[in-house]
Structure formats: C-alpha cells, structure tokens
Full PDB file with SEQRES, HELIX, SHEET, SSBOND, CRYST1, ORIGX, SCALE, CONECT and MASTER records, all heavy atoms in Angstrom:
SEQRES   1 A   31  ASP LEU LYS TYR PHE ILE ASP ILE LEU THR GLU ASN ALA          
SEQRES   2 A   31  ASN GLY LEU GLY GLU ASP ALA LEU TRP PHE GLN ILE SER          
SEQRES   3 A   31  ASP PHE GLU LEU THR                                          
HELIX    1 AA1 LEU A    2  GLU A   11  1                                  10    
HELIX    2 AA2 GLY A   15  ASP A   19  1                                   5    
HELIX    3 AA3 ALA A   20  GLN A   24  3                                   5    
HELIX    4 AA4 ILE A   25  ASP A   27  5                                   3    
CRYST1    1.000    1.000    1.000  90.00  90.00  90.00 P 1           1          
ORIGX1      1.000000  0.000000  0.000000        0.00000                         
ORIGX2      0.000000  1.000000  0.000000        0.00000                         
ORIGX3      0.000000  0.000000  1.000000        0.00000                         
SCALE1      1.000000  0.000000  0.000000        0.00000                         
SCALE2      0.000000  1.000000  0.000000        0.00000                         
SCALE3      0.000000  0.000000  1.000000        0.00000                         
ATOM      1  N   ASP A   1    -107.811  30.753 122.458  1.00  0.00           N  
ATOM      2  CA  ASP A   1    -107.828  32.131 121.980  1.00  0.00           C  
ATOM      3  C   ASP A   1    -106.591  32.431 121.140  1.00  0.00           C  
ATOM      4  O   ASP A   1    -105.717  31.574 120.956  1.00  0.00           O  
ATOM      5  CB  ASP A   1    -107.947  33.117 123.145  1.00  0.00           C  
ATOM      6  CG  ASP A   1    -106.787  33.001 124.135  1.00  0.00           C  
ATOM      7  OD1 ASP A   1    -105.769  32.329 123.814  1.00  0.00           O  
ATOM      8  OD2 ASP A   1    -106.885  33.578 125.234  1.00  0.00           O  
ATOM      9  N   LEU A   2    -106.511  33.647 120.648  1.00  0.00           N  
ATOM     10  CA  LEU A   2    -105.413  34.038 119.765  1.00  0.00           C  
ATOM     11  C   LEU A   2    -104.058  33.902 120.446  1.00  0.00           C  
ATOM     12  O   LEU A   2    -103.082  33.467 119.822  1.00  0.00           O  
ATOM     13  CB  LEU A   2    -105.635  35.476 119.287  1.00  0.00           C  
ATOM     14  CG  LEU A   2    -104.592  36.061 118.333  1.00  0.00           C  
ATOM     15  CD1 LEU A   2    -104.511  35.240 117.052  1.00  0.00           C  
ATOM     16  CD2 LEU A   2    -104.925  37.515 118.003  1.00  0.00           C  
ATOM     17  N   LYS A   3    -103.985  34.255 121.717  1.00  0.00           N  
ATOM     18  CA  LYS A   3    -102.713  34.181 122.442  1.00  0.00           C  
ATOM     19  C   LYS A   3    -102.156  32.759 122.445  1.00  0.00           C  
ATOM     20  O   LYS A   3    -100.944  32.544 122.328  1.00  0.00           O  
ATOM     21  CB  LYS A   3    -102.874  34.661 123.879  1.00  0.00           C  
ATOM     22  CG  LYS A   3    -101.561  34.635 124.682  1.00  0.00           C  
ATOM     23  CD  LYS A   3    -101.757  35.067 126.105  1.00  0.00           C  
ATOM     24  CE  LYS A   3    -100.435  35.045 126.879  1.00  0.00           C  
ATOM     25  NZ  LYS A   3     -99.776  33.722 126.871  1.00  0.00           N  
ATOM     26  N   TYR A   4    -103.038  31.774 122.564  1.00  0.00           N  
ATOM     27  CA  TYR A   4    -102.606  30.374 122.562  1.00  0.00           C  
ATOM     28  C   TYR A   4    -101.841  30.056 121.280  1.00  0.00           C  
ATOM     29  O   TYR A   4    -100.760  29.449 121.316  1.00  0.00           O  
ATOM     30  CB  TYR A   4    -103.829  29.476 122.697  1.00  0.00           C  
ATOM     31  CG  TYR A   4    -103.551  28.001 122.462  1.00  0.00           C  
ATOM     32  CD1 TYR A   4    -102.990  27.203 123.454  1.00  0.00           C  
ATOM     33  CD2 TYR A   4    -103.850  27.406 121.231  1.00  0.00           C  
ATOM     34  CE1 TYR A   4    -102.735  25.852 123.235  1.00  0.00           C  
ATOM     35  CE2 TYR A   4    -103.605  26.058 121.007  1.00  0.00           C  
ATOM     36  CZ  TYR A   4    -103.049  25.294 122.007  1.00  0.00           C  
ATOM     37  OH  TYR A   4    -102.789  23.962 121.783  1.00  0.00           O  
ATOM     38  N   PHE A   5    -102.375  30.474 120.147  1.00  0.00           N  
ATOM     39  CA  PHE A   5    -101.729  30.166 118.870  1.00  0.00           C  
ATOM     40  C   PHE A   5    -100.484  31.022 118.648  1.00  0.00           C  
ATOM     41  O   PHE A   5     -99.523  30.562 118.021  1.00  0.00           O  
ATOM     42  CB  PHE A   5    -102.732  30.336 117.729  1.00  0.00           C  
ATOM     43  CG  PHE A   5    -103.851  29.342 117.766  1.00  0.00           C  
ATOM     44  CD1 PHE A   5    -105.131  29.733 118.117  1.00  0.00           C  
ATOM     45  CD2 PHE A   5    -103.615  28.005 117.491  1.00  0.00           C  
ATOM     46  CE1 PHE A   5    -106.165  28.812 118.163  1.00  0.00           C  
ATOM     47  CE2 PHE A   5    -104.640  27.069 117.538  1.00  0.00           C  
ATOM     48  CZ  PHE A   5    -105.926  27.476 117.882  1.00  0.00           C  
ATOM     49  N   ILE A   6    -100.485  32.250 119.157  1.00  0.00           N  
ATOM     50  CA  ILE A   6     -99.275  33.073 119.068  1.00  0.00           C  
ATOM     51  C   ILE A   6     -98.141  32.423 119.858  1.00  0.00           C  
ATOM     52  O   ILE A   6     -96.988  32.400 119.411  1.00  0.00           O  
ATOM     53  CB  ILE A   6     -99.549  34.504 119.568  1.00  0.00           C  
ATOM     54  CG1 ILE A   6    -100.481  35.235 118.611  1.00  0.00           C  
ATOM     55  CG2 ILE A   6     -98.246  35.290 119.701  1.00  0.00           C  
ATOM     56  CD1 ILE A   6    -100.944  36.592 119.103  1.00  0.00           C  
ATOM     57  N   ASP A   7     -98.465  31.875 121.028  1.00  0.00           N  
ATOM     58  CA  ASP A   7     -97.447  31.180 121.829  1.00  0.00           C  
ATOM     59  C   ASP A   7     -96.909  29.964 121.085  1.00  0.00           C  
ATOM     60  O   ASP A   7     -95.690  29.708 121.088  1.00  0.00           O  
ATOM     61  CB  ASP A   7     -98.042  30.752 123.173  1.00  0.00           C  
ATOM     62  CG  ASP A   7     -98.301  31.919 124.107  1.00  0.00           C  
ATOM     63  OD1 ASP A   7     -97.732  33.009 123.862  1.00  0.00           O  
ATOM     64  OD2 ASP A   7     -99.069  31.759 125.070  1.00  0.00           O  
ATOM     65  N   ILE A   8     -97.799  29.193 120.463  1.00  0.00           N  
ATOM     66  CA  ILE A   8     -97.363  28.042 119.673  1.00  0.00           C  
ATOM     67  C   ILE A   8     -96.413  28.498 118.572  1.00  0.00           C  
ATOM     68  O   ILE A   8     -95.355  27.889 118.328  1.00  0.00           O  
ATOM     69  CB  ILE A   8     -98.574  27.317 119.040  1.00  0.00           C  
ATOM     70  CG1 ILE A   8     -99.465  26.690 120.106  1.00  0.00           C  
ATOM     71  CG2 ILE A   8     -98.115  26.270 118.020  1.00  0.00           C  
ATOM     72  CD1 ILE A   8     -98.893  25.473 120.766  1.00  0.00           C  
ATOM     73  N   LEU A   9     -96.766  29.579 117.897  1.00  0.00           N  
ATOM     74  CA  LEU A   9     -95.969  30.105 116.796  1.00  0.00           C  
ATOM     75  C   LEU A   9     -94.583  30.530 117.259  1.00  0.00           C  
ATOM     76  O   LEU A   9     -93.564  30.140 116.668  1.00  0.00           O  
ATOM     77  CB  LEU A   9     -96.694  31.281 116.149  1.00  0.00           C  
ATOM     78  CG  LEU A   9     -95.909  32.130 115.144  1.00  0.00           C  
ATOM     79  CD1 LEU A   9     -95.560  31.310 113.910  1.00  0.00           C  
ATOM     80  CD2 LEU A   9     -96.718  33.370 114.758  1.00  0.00           C  
ATOM     81  N   THR A  10     -94.506  31.348 118.309  1.00  0.00           N  
ATOM     82  CA  THR A  10     -93.223  31.913 118.726  1.00  0.00           C  
ATOM     83  C   THR A  10     -92.315  30.872 119.364  1.00  0.00           C  
ATOM     84  O   THR A  10     -91.092  31.037 119.363  1.00  0.00           O  
ATOM     85  CB  THR A  10     -93.440  33.072 119.714  1.00  0.00           C  
ATOM     86  OG1 THR A  10     -94.212  32.622 120.839  1.00  0.00           O  
ATOM     87  CG2 THR A  10     -94.170  34.222 119.039  1.00  0.00           C  
ATOM     88  N   GLU A  11     -92.882  29.799 119.882  1.00  0.00           N  
ATOM     89  CA  GLU A  11     -92.084  28.764 120.550  1.00  0.00           C  
ATOM     90  C   GLU A  11     -91.677  27.635 119.612  1.00  0.00           C  
ATOM     91  O   GLU A  11     -90.906  26.756 120.009  1.00  0.00           O  
ATOM     92  CB  GLU A  11     -92.875  28.188 121.733  1.00  0.00           C  
ATOM     93  CG  GLU A  11     -93.119  29.199 122.852  1.00  0.00           C  
ATOM     94  CD  GLU A  11     -94.169  28.719 123.845  1.00  0.00           C  
ATOM     95  OE1 GLU A  11     -94.591  27.542 123.736  1.00  0.00           O  
ATOM     96  OE2 GLU A  11     -94.571  29.523 124.712  1.00  0.00           O  
ATOM     97  N   ASN A  12     -92.192  27.655 118.361  1.00  0.00           N  
ATOM     98  CA  ASN A  12     -91.935  26.528 117.450  1.00  0.00           C  
ATOM     99  C   ASN A  12     -91.625  27.028 116.043  1.00  0.00           C  
ATOM    100  O   ASN A  12     -92.534  27.253 115.235  1.00  0.00           O  
ATOM    101  CB  ASN A  12     -93.154  25.599 117.406  1.00  0.00           C  
ATOM    102  CG  ASN A  12     -93.424  24.907 118.720  1.00  0.00           C  
ATOM    103  OD1 ASN A  12     -92.847  23.867 119.014  1.00  0.00           O  
ATOM    104  ND2 ASN A  12     -94.303  25.492 119.521  1.00  0.00           N  
ATOM    105  N   ALA A  13     -90.340  27.202 115.771  1.00  0.00           N  
ATOM    106  CA  ALA A  13     -89.914  27.616 114.426  1.00  0.00           C  
ATOM    107  C   ALA A  13     -89.811  26.377 113.539  1.00  0.00           C  
ATOM    108  O   ALA A  13     -88.756  26.048 112.997  1.00  0.00           O  
ATOM    109  CB  ALA A  13     -88.583  28.344 114.500  1.00  0.00           C  
ATOM    110  N   ASN A  14     -90.937  25.674 113.425  1.00  0.00           N  
ATOM    111  CA  ASN A  14     -90.988  24.420 112.672  1.00  0.00           C  
ATOM    112  C   ASN A  14     -92.416  24.219 112.172  1.00  0.00           C  
ATOM    113  O   ASN A  14     -93.231  25.145 112.191  1.00  0.00           O  
ATOM    114  CB  ASN A  14     -90.533  23.252 113.553  1.00  0.00           C  
ATOM    115  CG  ASN A  14     -91.279  23.218 114.888  1.00  0.00           C  
ATOM    116  OD1 ASN A  14     -92.504  23.293 114.928  1.00  0.00           O  
ATOM    117  ND2 ASN A  14     -90.537  23.125 115.986  1.00  0.00           N  
ATOM    118  N   GLY A  15     -92.723  23.003 111.752  1.00  0.00           N  
ATOM    119  CA  GLY A  15     -94.040  22.739 111.188  1.00  0.00           C  
ATOM    120  C   GLY A  15     -95.196  23.006 112.124  1.00  0.00           C  
ATOM    121  O   GLY A  15     -96.300  23.349 111.670  1.00  0.00           O  
ATOM    122  N   LEU A  16     -94.971  22.887 113.416  1.00  0.00           N  
ATOM    123  CA  LEU A  16     -96.029  23.185 114.378  1.00  0.00           C  
ATOM    124  C   LEU A  16     -96.358  24.674 114.366  1.00  0.00           C  
ATOM    125  O   LEU A  16     -97.533  25.066 114.331  1.00  0.00           O  
ATOM    126  CB  LEU A  16     -95.582  22.745 115.774  1.00  0.00           C  
ATOM    127  CG  LEU A  16     -96.580  22.911 116.927  1.00  0.00           C  
ATOM    128  CD1 LEU A  16     -97.910  22.243 116.603  1.00  0.00           C  
ATOM    129  CD2 LEU A  16     -95.990  22.336 118.212  1.00  0.00           C  
ATOM    130  N   GLY A  17     -95.324  25.512 114.370  1.00  0.00           N  
ATOM    131  CA  GLY A  17     -95.539  26.950 114.271  1.00  0.00           C  
ATOM    132  C   GLY A  17     -96.135  27.343 112.932  1.00  0.00           C  
ATOM    133  O   GLY A  17     -96.961  28.267 112.852  1.00  0.00           O  
ATOM    134  N   GLU A  18     -95.732  26.640 111.876  1.00  0.00           N  
ATOM    135  CA  GLU A  18     -96.285  26.915 110.547  1.00  0.00           C  
ATOM    136  C   GLU A  18     -97.790  26.675 110.541  1.00  0.00           C  
ATOM    137  O   GLU A  18     -98.573  27.490 110.037  1.00  0.00           O  
ATOM    138  CB  GLU A  18     -95.593  26.025 109.508  1.00  0.00           C  
ATOM    139  CG  GLU A  18     -94.124  26.366 109.306  1.00  0.00           C  
ATOM    140  CD  GLU A  18     -93.372  25.313 108.502  1.00  0.00           C  
ATOM    141  OE1 GLU A  18     -94.025  24.430 107.878  1.00  0.00           O  
ATOM    142  OE2 GLU A  18     -92.138  25.361 108.490  1.00  0.00           O  
ATOM    143  N   ASP A  19     -98.211  25.550 111.103  1.00  0.00           N  
ATOM    144  CA  ASP A  19     -99.640  25.232 111.179  1.00  0.00           C  
ATOM    145  C   ASP A  19    -100.391  26.302 111.965  1.00  0.00           C  
ATOM    146  O   ASP A  19    -101.466  26.764 111.557  1.00  0.00           O  
ATOM    147  CB  ASP A  19     -99.835  23.862 111.833  1.00  0.00           C  
ATOM    148  CG  ASP A  19    -101.281  23.398 111.808  1.00  0.00           C  
ATOM    149  OD1 ASP A  19    -102.115  24.017 112.493  1.00  0.00           O  
ATOM    150  OD2 ASP A  19    -101.581  22.407 111.115  1.00  0.00           O  
ATOM    151  N   ALA A  20     -99.841  26.710 113.101  1.00  0.00           N  
ATOM    152  CA  ALA A  20    -100.501  27.711 113.942  1.00  0.00           C  
ATOM    153  C   ALA A  20    -100.707  29.027 113.197  1.00  0.00           C  
ATOM    154  O   ALA A  20    -101.763  29.655 113.303  1.00  0.00           O  
ATOM    155  CB  ALA A  20     -99.691  27.943 115.216  1.00  0.00           C  
ATOM    156  N   LEU A  21     -99.702  29.430 112.418  1.00  0.00           N  
ATOM    157  CA  LEU A  21     -99.801  30.698 111.691  1.00  0.00           C  
ATOM    158  C   LEU A  21    -100.738  30.587 110.498  1.00  0.00           C  
ATOM    159  O   LEU A  21    -101.646  31.405 110.330  1.00  0.00           O  
ATOM    160  CB  LEU A  21     -98.421  31.131 111.204  1.00  0.00           C  
ATOM    161  CG  LEU A  21     -98.390  32.415 110.366  1.00  0.00           C  
ATOM    162  CD1 LEU A  21     -98.805  33.623 111.197  1.00  0.00           C  
ATOM    163  CD2 LEU A  21     -97.008  32.636 109.754  1.00  0.00           C  
ATOM    164  N   TRP A  22    -100.531  29.573 109.664  1.00  0.00           N  
ATOM    165  CA  TRP A  22    -101.232  29.497 108.388  1.00  0.00           C  
ATOM    166  C   TRP A  22    -102.690  29.100 108.518  1.00  0.00           C  
ATOM    167  O   TRP A  22    -103.547  29.608 107.802  1.00  0.00           O  
ATOM    168  CB  TRP A  22    -100.540  28.502 107.458  1.00  0.00           C  
ATOM    169  CG  TRP A  22     -99.119  28.848 107.155  1.00  0.00           C  
ATOM    170  CD1 TRP A  22     -98.538  30.076 107.206  1.00  0.00           C  
ATOM    171  CD2 TRP A  22     -98.092  27.939 106.755  1.00  0.00           C  
ATOM    172  NE1 TRP A  22     -97.207  29.992 106.863  1.00  0.00           N  
ATOM    173  CE2 TRP A  22     -96.901  28.689 106.579  1.00  0.00           C  
ATOM    174  CE3 TRP A  22     -98.037  26.563 106.528  1.00  0.00           C  
ATOM    175  CZ2 TRP A  22     -95.698  28.115 106.188  1.00  0.00           C  
ATOM    176  CZ3 TRP A  22     -96.846  25.986 106.135  1.00  0.00           C  
ATOM    177  CH2 TRP A  22     -95.687  26.765 105.960  1.00  0.00           C  
ATOM    178  N   PHE A  23    -102.990  28.184 109.443  1.00  0.00           N  
ATOM    179  CA  PHE A  23    -104.335  27.607 109.486  1.00  0.00           C  
ATOM    180  C   PHE A  23    -105.142  27.998 110.722  1.00  0.00           C  
ATOM    181  O   PHE A  23    -106.327  27.676 110.788  1.00  0.00           O  
ATOM    182  CB  PHE A  23    -104.251  26.080 109.395  1.00  0.00           C  
ATOM    183  CG  PHE A  23    -103.454  25.614 108.212  1.00  0.00           C  
ATOM    184  CD1 PHE A  23    -102.476  24.647 108.343  1.00  0.00           C  
ATOM    185  CD2 PHE A  23    -103.664  26.158 106.957  1.00  0.00           C  
ATOM    186  CE1 PHE A  23    -101.735  24.222 107.252  1.00  0.00           C  
ATOM    187  CE2 PHE A  23    -102.935  25.737 105.854  1.00  0.00           C  
ATOM    188  CZ  PHE A  23    -101.962  24.773 106.005  1.00  0.00           C  
ATOM    189  N   GLN A  24    -104.521  28.656 111.692  1.00  0.00           N  
ATOM    190  CA  GLN A  24    -105.253  29.042 112.893  1.00  0.00           C  
ATOM    191  C   GLN A  24    -105.263  30.560 113.072  1.00  0.00           C  
ATOM    192  O   GLN A  24    -106.318  31.191 113.065  1.00  0.00           O  
ATOM    193  CB  GLN A  24    -104.664  28.356 114.133  1.00  0.00           C  
ATOM    194  CG  GLN A  24    -104.532  26.853 114.018  1.00  0.00           C  
ATOM    195  CD  GLN A  24    -105.849  26.158 113.699  1.00  0.00           C  
ATOM    196  OE1 GLN A  24    -106.901  26.555 114.196  1.00  0.00           O  
ATOM    197  NE2 GLN A  24    -105.806  25.130 112.877  1.00  0.00           N  
ATOM    198  N   ILE A  25    -104.085  31.152 113.202  1.00  0.00           N  
ATOM    199  CA  ILE A  25    -104.011  32.600 113.424  1.00  0.00           C  
ATOM    200  C   ILE A  25    -104.669  33.361 112.288  1.00  0.00           C  
ATOM    201  O   ILE A  25    -105.411  34.326 112.508  1.00  0.00           O  
ATOM    202  CB  ILE A  25    -102.540  33.045 113.605  1.00  0.00           C  
ATOM    203  CG1 ILE A  25    -101.995  32.497 114.930  1.00  0.00           C  
ATOM    204  CG2 ILE A  25    -102.402  34.560 113.561  1.00  0.00           C  
ATOM    205  CD1 ILE A  25    -100.517  32.737 115.154  1.00  0.00           C  
ATOM    206  N   SER A  26    -104.434  32.924 111.055  1.00  0.00           N  
ATOM    207  CA  SER A  26    -104.995  33.643 109.905  1.00  0.00           C  
ATOM    208  C   SER A  26    -106.509  33.486 109.813  1.00  0.00           C  
ATOM    209  O   SER A  26    -107.156  34.197 109.034  1.00  0.00           O  
ATOM    210  CB  SER A  26    -104.343  33.154 108.606  1.00  0.00           C  
ATOM    211  OG  SER A  26    -104.656  31.788 108.368  1.00  0.00           O  
ATOM    212  N   ASP A  27    -107.102  32.584 110.619  1.00  0.00           N  
ATOM    213  CA  ASP A  27    -108.550  32.399 110.621  1.00  0.00           C  
ATOM    214  C   ASP A  27    -109.264  33.290 111.639  1.00  0.00           C  
ATOM    215  O   ASP A  27    -110.481  33.215 111.775  1.00  0.00           O  
ATOM    216  CB  ASP A  27    -108.901  30.939 110.925  1.00  0.00           C  
ATOM    217  CG  ASP A  27    -108.942  30.091 109.663  1.00  0.00           C  
ATOM    218  OD1 ASP A  27    -108.865  30.667 108.564  1.00  0.00           O  
ATOM    219  OD2 ASP A  27    -109.043  28.858 109.775  1.00  0.00           O  
ATOM    220  N   PHE A  28    -108.525  34.124 112.349  1.00  0.00           N  
ATOM    221  CA  PHE A  28    -109.117  34.943 113.398  1.00  0.00           C  
ATOM    222  C   PHE A  28    -109.706  36.259 112.887  1.00  0.00           C  
ATOM    223  O   PHE A  28    -110.013  37.130 113.680  1.00  0.00           O  
ATOM    224  CB  PHE A  28    -108.088  35.238 114.490  1.00  0.00           C  
ATOM    225  CG  PHE A  28    -108.076  34.217 115.602  1.00  0.00           C  
ATOM    226  CD1 PHE A  28    -107.381  33.033 115.460  1.00  0.00           C  
ATOM    227  CD2 PHE A  28    -108.776  34.442 116.773  1.00  0.00           C  
ATOM    228  CE1 PHE A  28    -107.376  32.076 116.477  1.00  0.00           C  
ATOM    229  CE2 PHE A  28    -108.779  33.508 117.794  1.00  0.00           C  
ATOM    230  CZ  PHE A  28    -108.079  32.316 117.643  1.00  0.00           C  
ATOM    231  N   GLU A  29    -109.854  36.395 111.578  1.00  0.00           N  
ATOM    232  CA  GLU A  29    -110.402  37.620 110.985  1.00  0.00           C  
ATOM    233  C   GLU A  29    -109.656  38.849 111.504  1.00  0.00           C  
ATOM    234  O   GLU A  29    -110.246  39.824 111.974  1.00  0.00           O  
ATOM    235  CB  GLU A  29    -111.907  37.734 111.269  1.00  0.00           C  
ATOM    236  CG  GLU A  29    -112.703  36.594 110.656  1.00  0.00           C  
ATOM    237  CD  GLU A  29    -114.194  36.737 110.857  1.00  0.00           C  
ATOM    238  OE1 GLU A  29    -114.616  37.756 111.441  1.00  0.00           O  
ATOM    239  OE2 GLU A  29    -114.931  35.844 110.434  1.00  0.00           O  
ATOM    240  N   LEU A  30    -108.348  38.771 111.402  1.00  0.00           N  
ATOM    241  CA  LEU A  30    -107.496  39.856 111.881  1.00  0.00           C  
ATOM    242  C   LEU A  30    -107.594  41.068 110.981  1.00  0.00           C  
ATOM    243  O   LEU A  30    -107.758  40.946 109.765  1.00  0.00           O  
ATOM    244  CB  LEU A  30    -106.034  39.390 111.921  1.00  0.00           C  
ATOM    245  CG  LEU A  30    -105.725  38.166 112.786  1.00  0.00           C  
ATOM    246  CD1 LEU A  30    -104.316  37.672 112.487  1.00  0.00           C  
ATOM    247  CD2 LEU A  30    -105.877  38.489 114.257  1.00  0.00           C  
ATOM    248  N   THR A  31    -107.466  42.228 111.567  1.00  0.00           N  
ATOM    249  CA  THR A  31    -107.315  43.430 110.763  1.00  0.00           C  
ATOM    250  C   THR A  31    -105.883  43.450 110.230  1.00  0.00           C  
ATOM    251  O   THR A  31    -104.994  42.785 110.796  1.00  0.00           O  
ATOM    252  CB  THR A  31    -107.556  44.692 111.598  1.00  0.00           C  
ATOM    253  OG1 THR A  31    -106.504  44.796 112.586  1.00  0.00           O  
ATOM    254  CG2 THR A  31    -108.912  44.643 112.286  1.00  0.00           C  
TER     255      THR A  31                                                      
MASTER        0    0    0    4    0    0    0    6  254    1    0    3          
END                                                                             
C-alpha cells in the first residue's frame, strides 16, 4: 500500500527512496 512506499521514501534519502517516490508513489493516482 501507499504507506509502505512512504516508509521506504522517508527512511532512504538515496536511490531507493528516489525509486519509491518517482515510480511507485506517483503511480497511486494521488490528488
């Protein structure tokens, strides 16, 4: 779920967090 990727993002200020934000979180059709 979204929380899983938010946790990845906030815990990894590196390429792992970048992937979570750019290619996963942004795919959740967020408002």
